[in-house]
Amino acid sequence: MPILWNASDAGEQTQIGTQETLTDTLDAYRVILFNDDVHTFDEVIFQIIKAIRCTRSKAEKHTWEVHTKGLSMVYAGTLPACLKVSSILEEIDLRTEIQTS
C-alpha cells in the first residue's frame, strides 16, 4: 500500500500510513539478472560484486542461480538504486530487467 498524503484545512500535509508502508516502498523494485551463454562464471561474479557490493560468496550464489534457473533477483531497492545496479551489470552486456514488486 503506497503512502497517502492528506492536505489539512491549514494547508499542511500530514502522512497517512505507517513507517512499515514507507519501508515497503524503499524496496519496491527488483533487478533481475538473466542467464546467457556468453559470459564466464568469473565475469558474472565479478560484475555482481561490482554492482551490489556483496561478498564473493553471495555473488557466486546469484551466479549459480542464474545458471541453473535462468534468472536471479540480485537486488531490491528504490528505482534509482536499481537503475544504477542494472547499468553496472549491463556494462559487460549482461541482460537485466527492473521489475516492481
N, C-alpha and C. Protein backbone atom coordinates (compact mmCIF):
# COMPACT_ATOMS: atom_id res chain seq x y z
N MET A 1 0.84 -1.17 0.00
CA MET A 1 0.00 0.00 0.00
C MET A 1 0.88 1.24 0.00
N PRO A 2 0.70 2.15 -0.96
CA PRO A 2 1.55 3.35 -1.02
C PRO A 2 1.21 4.31 0.10
N ILE A 3 2.13 5.21 0.36
CA ILE A 3 1.91 6.24 1.37
C ILE A 3 0.95 7.26 0.78
N LEU A 4 -0.04 7.64 1.55
CA LEU A 4 -1.01 8.63 1.12
C LEU A 4 -0.78 9.91 1.88
N TRP A 5 -0.98 11.03 1.23
CA TRP A 5 -0.84 12.34 1.85
C TRP A 5 -2.20 13.02 1.84
N ASN A 6 -2.48 13.72 2.91
CA ASN A 6 -3.75 14.40 3.04
C ASN A 6 -3.48 15.85 3.41
N ALA A 7 -4.02 16.76 2.63
CA ALA A 7 -3.85 18.19 2.94
C ALA A 7 -4.87 18.58 3.99
N SER A 8 -4.38 19.17 5.07
CA SER A 8 -5.30 19.60 6.13
C SER A 8 -5.91 20.94 5.75
N ASP A 9 -6.89 21.41 6.54
CA ASP A 9 -7.53 22.70 6.29
C ASP A 9 -6.54 23.84 6.34
N ALA A 10 -5.48 23.68 7.14
CA ALA A 10 -4.49 24.75 7.30
C ALA A 10 -3.47 24.76 6.16
N GLY A 11 -3.61 23.84 5.21
CA GLY A 11 -2.67 23.79 4.10
C GLY A 11 -1.45 22.95 4.38
N GLU A 12 -1.38 22.31 5.54
CA GLU A 12 -0.25 21.45 5.87
C GLU A 12 -0.51 20.06 5.32
N GLN A 13 0.56 19.32 5.11
CA GLN A 13 0.41 17.94 4.68
C GLN A 13 0.73 17.03 5.84
N THR A 14 -0.10 16.02 6.02
CA THR A 14 0.16 15.04 7.06
C THR A 14 0.20 13.67 6.41
N GLN A 15 1.08 12.84 6.89
CA GLN A 15 1.23 11.50 6.33
C GLN A 15 0.17 10.58 6.90
N ILE A 16 -0.47 9.83 6.02
CA ILE A 16 -1.41 8.80 6.44
C ILE A 16 -0.74 7.47 6.11
N GLY A 17 -0.57 6.64 7.08
CA GLY A 17 0.10 5.36 6.86
C GLY A 17 1.07 5.09 7.98
N THR A 18 1.86 4.07 7.79
CA THR A 18 2.79 3.68 8.84
C THR A 18 4.21 3.71 8.30
N GLN A 19 5.17 3.64 9.19
CA GLN A 19 6.57 3.55 8.78
C GLN A 19 6.79 2.29 7.97
N GLU A 20 6.08 1.23 8.29
CA GLU A 20 6.19 -0.02 7.54
C GLU A 20 5.85 0.20 6.08
N THR A 21 4.84 1.01 5.82
CA THR A 21 4.46 1.33 4.44
C THR A 21 5.59 2.06 3.74
N LEU A 22 6.23 3.02 4.41
CA LEU A 22 7.34 3.73 3.83
C LEU A 22 8.48 2.78 3.52
N THR A 23 8.79 1.88 4.43
CA THR A 23 9.85 0.91 4.21
C THR A 23 9.54 0.02 3.01
N ASP A 24 8.29 -0.38 2.88
CA ASP A 24 7.89 -1.23 1.75
C ASP A 24 8.17 -0.54 0.42
N THR A 25 8.02 0.77 0.35
CA THR A 25 8.23 1.46 -0.92
C THR A 25 9.71 1.62 -1.23
N LEU A 26 10.58 1.52 -0.23
CA LEU A 26 12.00 1.67 -0.47
C LEU A 26 12.61 0.50 -1.23
N ASP A 27 11.97 -0.65 -1.19
CA ASP A 27 12.47 -1.79 -1.96
C ASP A 27 11.38 -2.31 -2.90
N ALA A 28 10.69 -1.38 -3.51
CA ALA A 28 9.57 -1.73 -4.39
C ALA A 28 10.02 -2.21 -5.76
N TYR A 29 11.30 -2.09 -6.07
CA TYR A 29 11.82 -2.50 -7.38
C TYR A 29 12.84 -3.60 -7.22
N ARG A 30 12.95 -4.43 -8.23
CA ARG A 30 13.86 -5.58 -8.21
C ARG A 30 14.68 -5.61 -9.50
N VAL A 31 15.96 -5.94 -9.38
CA VAL A 31 16.81 -6.15 -10.55
C VAL A 31 16.91 -7.64 -10.78
N ILE A 32 16.48 -8.06 -11.95
CA ILE A 32 16.55 -9.46 -12.35
C ILE A 32 17.69 -9.62 -13.34
N LEU A 33 18.55 -10.58 -13.08
CA LEU A 33 19.66 -10.90 -13.97
C LEU A 33 19.33 -12.20 -14.69
N PHE A 34 19.49 -12.20 -16.01
CA PHE A 34 19.16 -13.37 -16.82
C PHE A 34 20.41 -14.11 -17.28
N ASN A 35 20.26 -15.39 -17.49
CA ASN A 35 21.35 -16.24 -17.96
C ASN A 35 21.67 -15.94 -19.41
N ASP A 36 22.92 -16.18 -19.79
CA ASP A 36 23.32 -16.15 -21.19
C ASP A 36 24.41 -17.19 -21.40
N ASP A 37 24.74 -17.42 -22.64
CA ASP A 37 25.77 -18.41 -22.98
C ASP A 37 27.08 -17.73 -23.38
N VAL A 38 27.24 -16.48 -23.01
CA VAL A 38 28.40 -15.70 -23.45
C VAL A 38 29.43 -15.50 -22.34
N HIS A 39 28.97 -15.18 -21.14
CA HIS A 39 29.87 -14.80 -20.06
C HIS A 39 30.30 -16.00 -19.22
N THR A 40 31.52 -15.92 -18.71
CA THR A 40 32.01 -16.95 -17.81
C THR A 40 31.47 -16.70 -16.41
N PHE A 41 31.55 -17.73 -15.57
CA PHE A 41 31.13 -17.57 -14.18
C PHE A 41 31.91 -16.44 -13.52
N ASP A 42 33.21 -16.40 -13.73
CA ASP A 42 34.03 -15.37 -13.08
C ASP A 42 33.65 -13.97 -13.53
N GLU A 43 33.33 -13.79 -14.81
CA GLU A 43 32.91 -12.47 -15.28
C GLU A 43 31.62 -12.03 -14.59
N VAL A 44 30.67 -12.93 -14.48
CA VAL A 44 29.39 -12.60 -13.86
C VAL A 44 29.58 -12.34 -12.36
N ILE A 45 30.35 -13.18 -11.70
CA ILE A 45 30.62 -13.00 -10.26
C ILE A 45 31.25 -11.63 -10.02
N PHE A 46 32.27 -11.29 -10.79
CA PHE A 46 32.95 -10.01 -10.62
C PHE A 46 31.98 -8.85 -10.82
N GLN A 47 31.12 -8.93 -11.84
CA GLN A 47 30.21 -7.83 -12.15
C GLN A 47 29.13 -7.68 -11.08
N ILE A 48 28.66 -8.80 -10.54
CA ILE A 48 27.68 -8.73 -9.45
C ILE A 48 28.30 -8.07 -8.22
N ILE A 49 29.53 -8.46 -7.89
CA ILE A 49 30.24 -7.84 -6.75
C ILE A 49 30.35 -6.33 -6.98
N LYS A 50 30.71 -5.94 -8.17
CA LYS A 50 30.86 -4.52 -8.50
C LYS A 50 29.51 -3.80 -8.41
N ALA A 51 28.45 -4.44 -8.87
CA ALA A 51 27.13 -3.78 -8.94
C ALA A 51 26.46 -3.64 -7.58
N ILE A 52 26.51 -4.71 -6.77
CA ILE A 52 25.76 -4.66 -5.50
C ILE A 52 26.65 -4.65 -4.27
N ARG A 53 27.96 -4.63 -4.49
CA ARG A 53 28.94 -4.56 -3.39
C ARG A 53 28.70 -5.64 -2.35
N CYS A 54 28.68 -6.87 -2.82
CA CYS A 54 28.45 -8.01 -1.94
C CYS A 54 29.71 -8.86 -1.83
N THR A 55 29.64 -9.89 -1.01
CA THR A 55 30.75 -10.82 -0.88
C THR A 55 30.83 -11.71 -2.12
N ARG A 56 31.97 -12.30 -2.30
CA ARG A 56 32.13 -13.24 -3.42
C ARG A 56 31.17 -14.41 -3.26
N SER A 57 30.99 -14.87 -2.04
CA SER A 57 30.09 -15.99 -1.79
C SER A 57 28.66 -15.68 -2.24
N LYS A 58 28.18 -14.49 -1.92
CA LYS A 58 26.83 -14.11 -2.34
C LYS A 58 26.75 -13.99 -3.86
N ALA A 59 27.76 -13.41 -4.46
CA ALA A 59 27.78 -13.28 -5.92
C ALA A 59 27.81 -14.66 -6.59
N GLU A 60 28.53 -15.59 -6.00
CA GLU A 60 28.58 -16.96 -6.53
C GLU A 60 27.20 -17.61 -6.45
N LYS A 61 26.48 -17.38 -5.36
CA LYS A 61 25.13 -17.94 -5.23
C LYS A 61 24.20 -17.39 -6.30
N HIS A 62 24.25 -16.07 -6.53
CA HIS A 62 23.43 -15.47 -7.59
C HIS A 62 23.81 -16.04 -8.96
N THR A 63 25.10 -16.17 -9.19
CA THR A 63 25.58 -16.67 -10.48
C THR A 63 25.11 -18.12 -10.70
N TRP A 64 25.19 -18.93 -9.67
CA TRP A 64 24.73 -20.31 -9.79
C TRP A 64 23.22 -20.37 -10.03
N GLU A 65 22.47 -19.50 -9.34
CA GLU A 65 21.02 -19.45 -9.54
C GLU A 65 20.68 -19.03 -10.98
N VAL A 66 21.40 -18.05 -11.49
CA VAL A 66 21.20 -17.62 -12.88
C VAL A 66 21.48 -18.78 -13.82
N HIS A 67 22.55 -19.50 -13.56
CA HIS A 67 22.94 -20.62 -14.41
C HIS A 67 21.92 -21.76 -14.38
N THR A 68 21.43 -22.09 -13.19
CA THR A 68 20.54 -23.25 -13.06
C THR A 68 19.06 -22.93 -13.29
N LYS A 69 18.62 -21.72 -12.92
CA LYS A 69 17.21 -21.37 -13.04
C LYS A 69 16.91 -20.41 -14.19
N GLY A 70 17.96 -19.84 -14.76
CA GLY A 70 17.77 -18.93 -15.88
C GLY A 70 17.70 -17.46 -15.47
N LEU A 71 17.52 -17.20 -14.17
CA LEU A 71 17.47 -15.82 -13.69
C LEU A 71 17.67 -15.79 -12.19
N SER A 72 18.00 -14.60 -11.69
CA SER A 72 18.15 -14.39 -10.25
C SER A 72 17.79 -12.95 -9.93
N MET A 73 17.07 -12.76 -8.84
CA MET A 73 16.78 -11.42 -8.36
C MET A 73 18.00 -11.01 -7.53
N VAL A 74 18.83 -10.15 -8.10
CA VAL A 74 20.10 -9.83 -7.47
C VAL A 74 20.05 -8.60 -6.57
N TYR A 75 18.98 -7.79 -6.69
CA TYR A 75 18.93 -6.57 -5.88
C TYR A 75 17.49 -6.11 -5.76
N ALA A 76 17.15 -5.53 -4.61
CA ALA A 76 15.85 -4.89 -4.39
C ALA A 76 16.11 -3.54 -3.76
N GLY A 77 15.41 -2.52 -4.24
CA GLY A 77 15.59 -1.18 -3.69
C GLY A 77 14.74 -0.17 -4.41
N THR A 78 15.15 1.08 -4.28
CA THR A 78 14.45 2.16 -4.95
C THR A 78 14.74 2.10 -6.44
N LEU A 79 13.92 2.77 -7.23
CA LEU A 79 14.13 2.77 -8.68
C LEU A 79 15.50 3.35 -9.06
N PRO A 80 15.92 4.47 -8.50
CA PRO A 80 17.25 4.99 -8.86
C PRO A 80 18.38 4.01 -8.52
N ALA A 81 18.29 3.35 -7.37
CA ALA A 81 19.32 2.38 -7.00
C ALA A 81 19.31 1.18 -7.95
N CYS A 82 18.12 0.73 -8.31
CA CYS A 82 18.00 -0.40 -9.24
C CYS A 82 18.53 -0.04 -10.62
N LEU A 83 18.28 1.18 -11.06
CA LEU A 83 18.81 1.62 -12.36
C LEU A 83 20.33 1.63 -12.35
N LYS A 84 20.92 2.04 -11.23
CA LYS A 84 22.38 2.05 -11.11
C LYS A 84 22.94 0.63 -11.14
N VAL A 85 22.35 -0.26 -10.35
CA VAL A 85 22.79 -1.66 -10.32
C VAL A 85 22.67 -2.28 -11.71
N SER A 86 21.54 -2.06 -12.34
CA SER A 86 21.30 -2.62 -13.67
C SER A 86 22.33 -2.10 -14.68
N SER A 87 22.62 -0.81 -14.62
CA SER A 87 23.58 -0.26 -15.58
C SER A 87 24.98 -0.82 -15.37
N ILE A 88 25.36 -1.08 -14.14
CA ILE A 88 26.67 -1.68 -13.87
C ILE A 88 26.72 -3.11 -14.41
N LEU A 89 25.66 -3.87 -14.19
CA LEU A 89 25.62 -5.23 -14.72
C LEU A 89 25.67 -5.22 -16.25
N GLU A 90 25.02 -4.25 -16.84
CA GLU A 90 24.96 -4.18 -18.31
C GLU A 90 26.24 -3.63 -18.94
N GLU A 91 27.19 -3.16 -18.13
CA GLU A 91 28.47 -2.68 -18.67
C GLU A 91 29.16 -3.76 -19.49
N ILE A 92 28.96 -5.01 -19.12
CA ILE A 92 29.58 -6.11 -19.88
C ILE A 92 28.52 -6.87 -20.69
N ASP A 93 27.43 -6.20 -20.97
CA ASP A 93 26.33 -6.75 -21.79
C ASP A 93 25.59 -7.92 -21.13
N LEU A 94 25.53 -7.91 -19.80
CA LEU A 94 24.64 -8.85 -19.13
C LEU A 94 23.22 -8.34 -19.35
N ARG A 95 22.26 -9.26 -19.39
CA ARG A 95 20.86 -8.88 -19.63
C ARG A 95 20.13 -8.78 -18.31
N THR A 96 19.51 -7.64 -18.07
CA THR A 96 18.79 -7.39 -16.82
C THR A 96 17.41 -6.85 -17.12
N GLU A 97 16.61 -6.84 -16.07
CA GLU A 97 15.27 -6.25 -16.15
C GLU A 97 14.95 -5.70 -14.77
N ILE A 98 14.28 -4.55 -14.73
CA ILE A 98 13.82 -4.00 -13.46
C ILE A 98 12.33 -4.24 -13.38
N GLN A 99 11.92 -4.88 -12.30
CA GLN A 99 10.51 -5.21 -12.08
C GLN A 99 10.03 -4.53 -10.81
N THR A 100 8.71 -4.33 -10.72
CA THR A 100 8.12 -3.82 -9.49
C THR A 100 7.59 -5.00 -8.70
N SER A 101 7.56 -4.82 -7.40
CA SER A 101 7.07 -5.93 -6.56
C SER A 101 5.58 -5.93 -6.44
